[in-house]
PDB file of N, CA and C in Angstrom:
ATOM      1  N   MET A   1       0.846  -1.176   0.000  1.00  0.00           N
ATOM      2  CA  MET A   1       0.000   0.000   0.000  1.00  0.00           C
ATOM      3  C   MET A   1       0.891   1.237   0.000  1.00  0.00           C
ATOM      4  N   VAL A   2       0.531   2.221  -0.799  1.00  0.00           N
ATOM      5  CA  VAL A   2       1.254   3.486  -0.897  1.00  0.00           C
ATOM      6  C   VAL A   2       0.396   4.563  -0.239  1.00  0.00           C
ATOM      7  N   HIS A   3       1.046   5.350   0.613  1.00  0.00           N
ATOM      8  CA  HIS A   3       0.365   6.437   1.308  1.00  0.00           C
ATOM      9  C   HIS A   3       0.989   7.739   0.827  1.00  0.00           C
ATOM     10  N   ALA A   4       0.142   8.708   0.446  1.00  0.00           N
ATOM     11  CA  ALA A   4       0.653   9.981  -0.063  1.00  0.00           C
ATOM     12  C   ALA A   4      -0.178  11.136   0.477  1.00  0.00           C
ATOM     13  N   TYR A   5       0.456  12.299   0.495  1.00  0.00           N
ATOM     14  CA  TYR A   5      -0.203  13.539   0.872  1.00  0.00           C
ATOM     15  C   TYR A   5      -0.274  14.414  -0.370  1.00  0.00           C
ATOM     16  N   VAL A   6      -1.442  14.949  -0.633  1.00  0.00           N
ATOM     17  CA  VAL A   6      -1.650  15.782  -1.816  1.00  0.00           C
ATOM     18  C   VAL A   6      -2.074  17.171  -1.367  1.00  0.00           C
ATOM     19  N   LEU A   7      -1.258  18.158  -1.719  1.00  0.00           N
ATOM     20  CA  LEU A   7      -1.595  19.550  -1.446  1.00  0.00           C
ATOM     21  C   LEU A   7      -2.377  20.080  -2.634  1.00  0.00           C
ATOM     22  N   VAL A   8      -3.429  20.835  -2.353  1.00  0.00           N
ATOM     23  CA  VAL A   8      -4.311  21.333  -3.410  1.00  0.00           C
ATOM     24  C   VAL A   8      -4.457  22.842  -3.277  1.00  0.00           C
ATOM     25  N   LYS A   9      -4.233  23.542  -4.373  1.00  0.00           N
ATOM     26  CA  LYS A   9      -4.497  24.981  -4.439  1.00  0.00           C
ATOM     27  C   LYS A   9      -5.834  25.144  -5.164  1.00  0.00           C
ATOM     28  N   ALA A  10      -6.750  25.906  -4.551  1.00  0.00           N
ATOM     29  CA  ALA A  10      -8.099  26.059  -5.091  1.00  0.00           C
ATOM     30  C   ALA A  10      -8.340  27.489  -5.555  1.00  0.00           C
ATOM     31  N   ASP A  11      -9.335  27.637  -6.434  1.00  0.00           N
ATOM     32  CA  ASP A  11      -9.795  28.977  -6.803  1.00  0.00           C
ATOM     33  C   ASP A  11     -10.259  29.702  -5.543  1.00  0.00           C
ATOM     34  N   VAL A  12     -10.239  31.022  -5.575  1.00  0.00           N
ATOM     35  CA  VAL A  12     -10.681  31.827  -4.441  1.00  0.00           C
ATOM     36  C   VAL A  12     -12.116  31.457  -4.066  1.00  0.00           C
ATOM     37  N   GLY A  13     -12.315  31.109  -2.795  1.00  0.00           N
ATOM     38  CA  GLY A  13     -13.646  30.788  -2.290  1.00  0.00           C
ATOM     39  C   GLY A  13     -14.127  29.384  -2.581  1.00  0.00           C
ATOM     40  N   ALA A  14     -13.313  28.563  -3.235  1.00  0.00           N
ATOM     41  CA  ALA A  14     -13.762  27.223  -3.637  1.00  0.00           C
ATOM     42  C   ALA A  14     -13.386  26.118  -2.663  1.00  0.00           C
ATOM     43  N   ALA A  15     -12.507  26.384  -1.709  1.00  0.00           N
ATOM     44  CA  ALA A  15     -11.967  25.324  -0.855  1.00  0.00           C
ATOM     45  C   ALA A  15     -13.032  24.580  -0.054  1.00  0.00           C
ATOM     46  N   ALA A  16     -13.958  25.285   0.541  1.00  0.00           N
ATOM     47  CA  ALA A  16     -14.973  24.650   1.400  1.00  0.00           C
ATOM     48  C   ALA A  16     -15.833  23.656   0.631  1.00  0.00           C
ATOM     49  N   ASP A  17     -16.230  24.004  -0.577  1.00  0.00           N
ATOM     50  CA  ASP A  17     -17.035  23.083  -1.388  1.00  0.00           C
ATOM     51  C   ASP A  17     -16.169  21.968  -1.975  1.00  0.00           C
ATOM     52  N   LEU A  18     -14.966  22.317  -2.354  1.00  0.00           N
ATOM     53  CA  LEU A  18     -14.073  21.369  -2.999  1.00  0.00           C
ATOM     54  C   LEU A  18     -13.654  20.248  -2.061  1.00  0.00           C
ATOM     55  N   VAL A  19     -13.484  20.531  -0.777  1.00  0.00           N
ATOM     56  CA  VAL A  19     -13.037  19.504   0.162  1.00  0.00           C
ATOM     57  C   VAL A  19     -14.040  18.349   0.232  1.00  0.00           C
ATOM     58  N   GLU A  20     -15.315  18.648   0.141  1.00  0.00           N
ATOM     59  CA  GLU A  20     -16.331  17.585   0.175  1.00  0.00           C
ATOM     60  C   GLU A  20     -16.237  16.694  -1.062  1.00  0.00           C
ATOM     61  N   THR A  21     -16.008  17.294  -2.201  1.00  0.00           N
ATOM     62  CA  THR A  21     -15.861  16.533  -3.436  1.00  0.00           C
ATOM     63  C   THR A  21     -14.621  15.659  -3.390  1.00  0.00           C
ATOM     64  N   ILE A  22     -13.520  16.204  -2.899  1.00  0.00           N
ATOM     65  CA  ILE A  22     -12.276  15.435  -2.806  1.00  0.00           C
ATOM     66  C   ILE A  22     -12.442  14.273  -1.836  1.00  0.00           C
ATOM     67  N   ARG A  23     -13.150  14.476  -0.758  1.00  0.00           N
ATOM     68  CA  ARG A  23     -13.409  13.378   0.196  1.00  0.00           C
ATOM     69  C   ARG A  23     -14.161  12.231  -0.466  1.00  0.00           C
ATOM     70  N   GLY A  24     -14.897  12.512  -1.521  1.00  0.00           N
ATOM     71  CA  GLY A  24     -15.652  11.482  -2.216  1.00  0.00           C
ATOM     72  C   GLY A  24     -14.850  10.665  -3.212  1.00  0.00           C
ATOM     73  N   VAL A  25     -13.610  11.040  -3.470  1.00  0.00           N
ATOM     74  CA  VAL A  25     -12.754  10.271  -4.386  1.00  0.00           C
ATOM     75  C   VAL A  25     -12.348   8.979  -3.692  1.00  0.00           C
ATOM     76  N   ASP A  26     -12.472   7.851  -4.395  1.00  0.00           N
ATOM     77  CA  ASP A  26     -12.265   6.529  -3.789  1.00  0.00           C
ATOM     78  C   ASP A  26     -10.970   6.373  -3.002  1.00  0.00           C
ATOM     79  N   ALA A  27      -9.849   6.776  -3.537  1.00  0.00           N
ATOM     80  CA  ALA A  27      -8.568   6.539  -2.878  1.00  0.00           C
ATOM     81  C   ALA A  27      -8.256   7.551  -1.779  1.00  0.00           C
ATOM     82  N   VAL A  28      -9.079   8.573  -1.618  1.00  0.00           N
ATOM     83  CA  VAL A  28      -8.824   9.600  -0.605  1.00  0.00           C
ATOM     84  C   VAL A  28      -9.319   9.107   0.748  1.00  0.00           C
ATOM     85  N   ALA A  29      -8.376   9.011   1.698  1.00  0.00           N
ATOM     86  CA  ALA A  29      -8.714   8.575   3.053  1.00  0.00           C
ATOM     87  C   ALA A  29      -9.242   9.738   3.885  1.00  0.00           C
ATOM     88  N   GLU A  30      -8.634  10.922   3.729  1.00  0.00           N
ATOM     89  CA  GLU A  30      -9.044  12.125   4.448  1.00  0.00           C
ATOM     90  C   GLU A  30      -8.733  13.340   3.600  1.00  0.00           C
ATOM     91  N   ALA A  31      -9.453  14.430   3.848  1.00  0.00           N
ATOM     92  CA  ALA A  31      -9.152  15.708   3.198  1.00  0.00           C
ATOM     93  C   ALA A  31      -9.563  16.826   4.143  1.00  0.00           C
ATOM     94  N   HIS A  32      -8.745  17.889   4.177  1.00  0.00           N
ATOM     95  CA  HIS A  32      -8.982  18.992   5.099  1.00  0.00           C
ATOM     96  C   HIS A  32      -8.637  20.314   4.448  1.00  0.00           C
ATOM     97  N   VAL A  33      -9.401  21.351   4.770  1.00  0.00           N
ATOM     98  CA  VAL A  33      -9.043  22.711   4.405  1.00  0.00           C
ATOM     99  C   VAL A  33      -7.972  23.145   5.400  1.00  0.00           C
ATOM    100  N   VAL A  34      -6.891  23.754   4.899  1.00  0.00           N
ATOM    101  CA  VAL A  34      -5.789  24.177   5.761  1.00  0.00           C
ATOM    102  C   VAL A  34      -5.426  25.636   5.488  1.00  0.00           C
ATOM    103  N   ALA A  35      -4.735  26.246   6.439  1.00  0.00           N
ATOM    104  CA  ALA A  35      -4.230  27.611   6.270  1.00  0.00           C
ATOM    105  C   ALA A  35      -2.799  27.536   5.778  1.00  0.00           C
ATOM    106  N   GLY A  36      -2.427  28.453   4.917  1.00  0.00           N
ATOM    107  CA  GLY A  36      -1.051  28.486   4.425  1.00  0.00           C
ATOM    108  C   GLY A  36      -1.009  28.716   2.931  1.00  0.00           C
ATOM    109  N   ASP A  37       0.096  28.309   2.316  1.00  0.00           N
ATOM    110  CA  ASP A  37       0.274  28.506   0.877  1.00  0.00           C
ATOM    111  C   ASP A  37      -0.668  27.642   0.053  1.00  0.00           C
ATOM    112  N   TRP A  38      -1.103  26.518   0.591  1.00  0.00           N
ATOM    113  CA  TRP A  38      -2.033  25.611  -0.079  1.00  0.00           C
ATOM    114  C   TRP A  38      -3.361  25.670   0.648  1.00  0.00           C
ATOM    115  N   ASP A  39      -4.436  25.304  -0.039  1.00  0.00           N
ATOM    116  CA  ASP A  39      -5.778  25.442   0.526  1.00  0.00           C
ATOM    117  C   ASP A  39      -6.330  24.167   1.145  1.00  0.00           C
ATOM    118  N   LEU A  40      -5.916  23.024   0.616  1.00  0.00           N
ATOM    119  CA  LEU A  40      -6.399  21.745   1.124  1.00  0.00           C
ATOM    120  C   LEU A  40      -5.248  20.753   1.169  1.00  0.00           C
ATOM    121  N   ILE A  41      -5.401  19.746   2.028  1.00  0.00           N
ATOM    122  CA  ILE A  41      -4.484  18.618   2.023  1.00  0.00           C
ATOM    123  C   ILE A  41      -5.328  17.348   2.065  1.00  0.00           C
ATOM    124  N   ALA A  42      -4.950  16.397   1.230  1.00  0.00           N
ATOM    125  CA  ALA A  42      -5.671  15.124   1.165  1.00  0.00           C
ATOM    126  C   ALA A  42      -4.681  13.990   1.387  1.00  0.00           C
ATOM    127  N   GLU A  43      -5.133  12.947   2.071  1.00  0.00           N
ATOM    128  CA  GLU A  43      -4.340  11.735   2.235  1.00  0.00           C
ATOM    129  C   GLU A  43      -4.892  10.700   1.267  1.00  0.00           C
ATOM    130  N   VAL A  44      -4.004  10.135   0.486  1.00  0.00           N
ATOM    131  CA  VAL A  44      -4.403   9.147  -0.522  1.00  0.00           C
ATOM    132  C   VAL A  44      -3.737   7.819  -0.196  1.00  0.00           C
ATOM    133  N   ASP A  45      -4.517   6.760  -0.191  1.00  0.00           N
ATOM    134  CA  ASP A  45      -4.014   5.397  -0.014  1.00  0.00           C
ATOM    135  C   ASP A  45      -4.355   4.607  -1.265  1.00  0.00           C
ATOM    136  N   ALA A  46      -3.338   3.994  -1.870  1.00  0.00           N
ATOM    137  CA  ALA A  46      -3.551   3.227  -3.099  1.00  0.00           C
ATOM    138  C   ALA A  46      -2.566   2.065  -3.144  1.00  0.00           C
ATOM    139  N   PRO A  47      -2.875   1.047  -3.940  1.00  0.00           N
ATOM    140  CA  PRO A  47      -2.002  -0.132  -3.992  1.00  0.00           C
ATOM    141  C   PRO A  47      -0.593   0.156  -4.525  1.00  0.00           C
ATOM    142  N   GLU A  48      -0.473   1.031  -5.507  1.00  0.00           N
ATOM    143  CA  GLU A  48       0.821   1.312  -6.153  1.00  0.00           C
ATOM    144  C   GLU A  48       0.975   2.820  -6.350  1.00  0.00           C
ATOM    145  N   VAL A  49       2.226   3.261  -6.534  1.00  0.00           N
ATOM    146  CA  VAL A  49       2.503   4.674  -6.788  1.00  0.00           C
ATOM    147  C   VAL A  49       1.742   5.138  -8.024  1.00  0.00           C
ATOM    148  N   TYR A  50       1.688   4.304  -9.048  1.00  0.00           N
ATOM    149  CA  TYR A  50       0.961   4.670 -10.265  1.00  0.00           C
ATOM    150  C   TYR A  50      -0.500   5.011  -9.942  1.00  0.00           C
ATOM    151  N   ASP A  51      -1.099   4.270  -9.028  1.00  0.00           N
ATOM    152  CA  ASP A  51      -2.491   4.518  -8.663  1.00  0.00           C
ATOM    153  C   ASP A  51      -2.658   5.857  -7.950  1.00  0.00           C
ATOM    154  N   VAL A  52      -1.679   6.231  -7.133  1.00  0.00           N
ATOM    155  CA  VAL A  52      -1.705   7.542  -6.481  1.00  0.00           C
ATOM    156  C   VAL A  52      -1.645   8.635  -7.543  1.00  0.00           C
ATOM    157  N   LEU A  53      -0.682   8.510  -8.447  1.00  0.00           N
ATOM    158  CA  LEU A  53      -0.508   9.518  -9.493  1.00  0.00           C
ATOM    159  C   LEU A  53      -1.737   9.616 -10.391  1.00  0.00           C
ATOM    160  N   SER A  54      -2.328   8.481 -10.688  1.00  0.00           N
ATOM    161  CA  SER A  54      -3.533   8.454 -11.509  1.00  0.00           C
ATOM    162  C   SER A  54      -4.696   9.146 -10.791  1.00  0.00           C
ATOM    163  N   THR A  55      -4.848   8.870  -9.507  1.00  0.00           N
ATOM    164  CA  THR A  55      -5.908   9.503  -8.717  1.00  0.00           C
ATOM    165  C   THR A  55      -5.754  11.017  -8.723  1.00  0.00           C
ATOM    166  N   VAL A  56      -4.521  11.479  -8.528  1.00  0.00           N
ATOM    167  CA  VAL A  56      -4.281  12.917  -8.469  1.00  0.00           C
ATOM    168  C   VAL A  56      -4.481  13.573  -9.832  1.00  0.00           C
ATOM    169  N   SER A  57      -3.905  12.989 -10.860  1.00  0.00           N
ATOM    170  CA  SER A  57      -3.968  13.641 -12.176  1.00  0.00           C
ATOM    171  C   SER A  57      -5.321  13.494 -12.858  1.00  0.00           C
ATOM    172  N   GLU A  58      -5.975  12.365 -12.699  1.00  0.00           N
ATOM    173  CA  GLU A  58      -7.220  12.117 -13.424  1.00  0.00           C
ATOM    174  C   GLU A  58      -8.481  12.457 -12.638  1.00  0.00           C
ATOM    175  N   GLN A  59      -8.391  12.472 -11.316  1.00  0.00           N
ATOM    176  CA  GLN A  59      -9.592  12.738 -10.526  1.00  0.00           C
ATOM    177  C   GLN A  59      -9.504  14.065  -9.770  1.00  0.00           C
ATOM    178  N   VAL A  60      -8.532  14.211  -8.912  1.00  0.00           N
ATOM    179  CA  VAL A  60      -8.434  15.428  -8.104  1.00  0.00           C
ATOM    180  C   VAL A  60      -8.049  16.638  -8.962  1.00  0.00           C
ATOM    181  N   GLY A  61      -7.021  16.508  -9.751  1.00  0.00           N
ATOM    182  CA  GLY A  61      -6.516  17.628 -10.542  1.00  0.00           C
ATOM    183  C   GLY A  61      -7.473  18.161 -11.576  1.00  0.00           C
ATOM    184  N   ARG A  62      -8.430  17.372 -11.986  1.00  0.00           N
ATOM    185  CA  ARG A  62      -9.395  17.793 -13.015  1.00  0.00           C
ATOM    186  C   ARG A  62     -10.681  18.375 -12.450  1.00  0.00           C
ATOM    187  N   LEU A  63     -10.801  18.417 -11.136  1.00  0.00           N
ATOM    188  CA  LEU A  63     -12.024  18.960 -10.529  1.00  0.00           C
ATOM    189  C   LEU A  63     -12.117  20.464 -10.769  1.00  0.00           C
ATOM    190  N   ASP A  64     -13.330  20.935 -11.004  1.00  0.00           N
ATOM    191  CA  ASP A  64     -13.557  22.375 -11.136  1.00  0.00           C
ATOM    192  C   ASP A  64     -13.153  23.048  -9.834  1.00  0.00           C
ATOM    193  N   GLY A  65     -12.349  24.081  -9.931  1.00  0.00           N
ATOM    194  CA  GLY A  65     -11.902  24.809  -8.753  1.00  0.00           C
ATOM    195  C   GLY A  65     -10.491  24.464  -8.316  1.00  0.00           C
ATOM    196  N   VAL A  66      -9.925  23.364  -8.847  1.00  0.00           N
ATOM    197  CA  VAL A  66      -8.546  23.008  -8.518  1.00  0.00           C
ATOM    198  C   VAL A  66      -7.615  23.751  -9.458  1.00  0.00           C
ATOM    199  N   VAL A  67      -6.682  24.497  -8.882  1.00  0.00           N
ATOM    200  CA  VAL A  67      -5.728  25.280  -9.659  1.00  0.00           C
ATOM    201  C   VAL A  67      -4.406  24.526  -9.817  1.00  0.00           C
ATOM    202  N   ASP A  68      -3.962  23.838  -8.760  1.00  0.00           N
ATOM    203  CA  ASP A  68      -2.675  23.152  -8.777  1.00  0.00           C
ATOM    204  C   ASP A  68      -2.667  22.074  -7.705  1.00  0.00           C
ATOM    205  N   THR A  69      -1.812  21.078  -7.884  1.00  0.00           N
ATOM    206  CA  THR A  69      -1.617  20.043  -6.874  1.00  0.00           C
ATOM    207  C   THR A  69      -0.129  19.753  -6.730  1.00  0.00           C
ATOM    208  N   LYS A  70       0.230  19.248  -5.564  1.00  0.00           N
ATOM    209  CA  LYS A  70       1.597  18.796  -5.314  1.00  0.00           C
ATOM    210  C   LYS A  70       1.482  17.532  -4.480  1.00  0.00           C
ATOM    211  N   THR A  71       2.146  16.459  -4.903  1.00  0.00           N
ATOM    212  CA  THR A  71       2.017  15.161  -4.255  1.00  0.00           C
ATOM    213  C   THR A  71       3.312  14.764  -3.569  1.00  0.00           C
ATOM    214  N   TYR A  72       3.184  14.318  -2.324  1.00  0.00           N
ATOM    215  CA  TYR A  72       4.305  13.807  -1.552  1.00  0.00           C
ATOM    216  C   TYR A  72       3.998  12.369  -1.160  1.00  0.00           C
ATOM    217  N   VAL A  73       4.821  11.430  -1.614  1.00  0.00           N
ATOM    218  CA  VAL A  73       4.642  10.026  -1.298  1.00  0.00           C
ATOM    219  C   VAL A  73       5.393   9.723  -0.008  1.00  0.00           C
ATOM    220  N   SER A  74       4.725   9.095   0.945  1.00  0.00           N
ATOM    221  CA  SER A  74       5.342   8.744   2.212  1.00  0.00           C
ATOM    222  C   SER A  74       6.373   7.644   1.995  1.00  0.00           C
ATOM    223  N   MET A  75       7.494   7.765   2.676  1.00  0.00           N
ATOM    224  CA  MET A  75       8.552   6.756   2.586  1.00  0.00           C
ATOM    225  C   MET A  75       8.403   5.709   3.674  1.00  0.00           C
ATOM    226  N   GLU A  76       7.450   5.897   4.571  1.00  0.00           N
ATOM    227  CA  GLU A  76       7.186   4.928   5.631  1.00  0.00           C
ATOM    228  C   GLU A  76       5.980   4.079   5.270  1.00  0.00           C
ATOM    229  N   GLU A  77       5.967   2.869   5.753  1.00  0.00           N
ATOM    230  CA  GLU A  77       4.814   2.002   5.486  1.00  0.00           C
ATOM    231  C   GLU A  77       3.835   2.066   6.615  1.00  0.00           C
TER     232      GLU A  77
END
């Protein structure tokens, strides 16, 4: 199992609605609105690194209101 953290930059005012949509993505274990340079952080659990990347690029990154994403894969199991 691969565990990753995905930082999400959202359009102005979109974070609160977007977090609910991101929580509905199958591989997303948790998602939260955060303060700082990024607007949301999501935890993704998937069988392989490819599945994490696919989830981010094909599902999260394409959502209306998402401006940018940055993915960090955990090195711990």
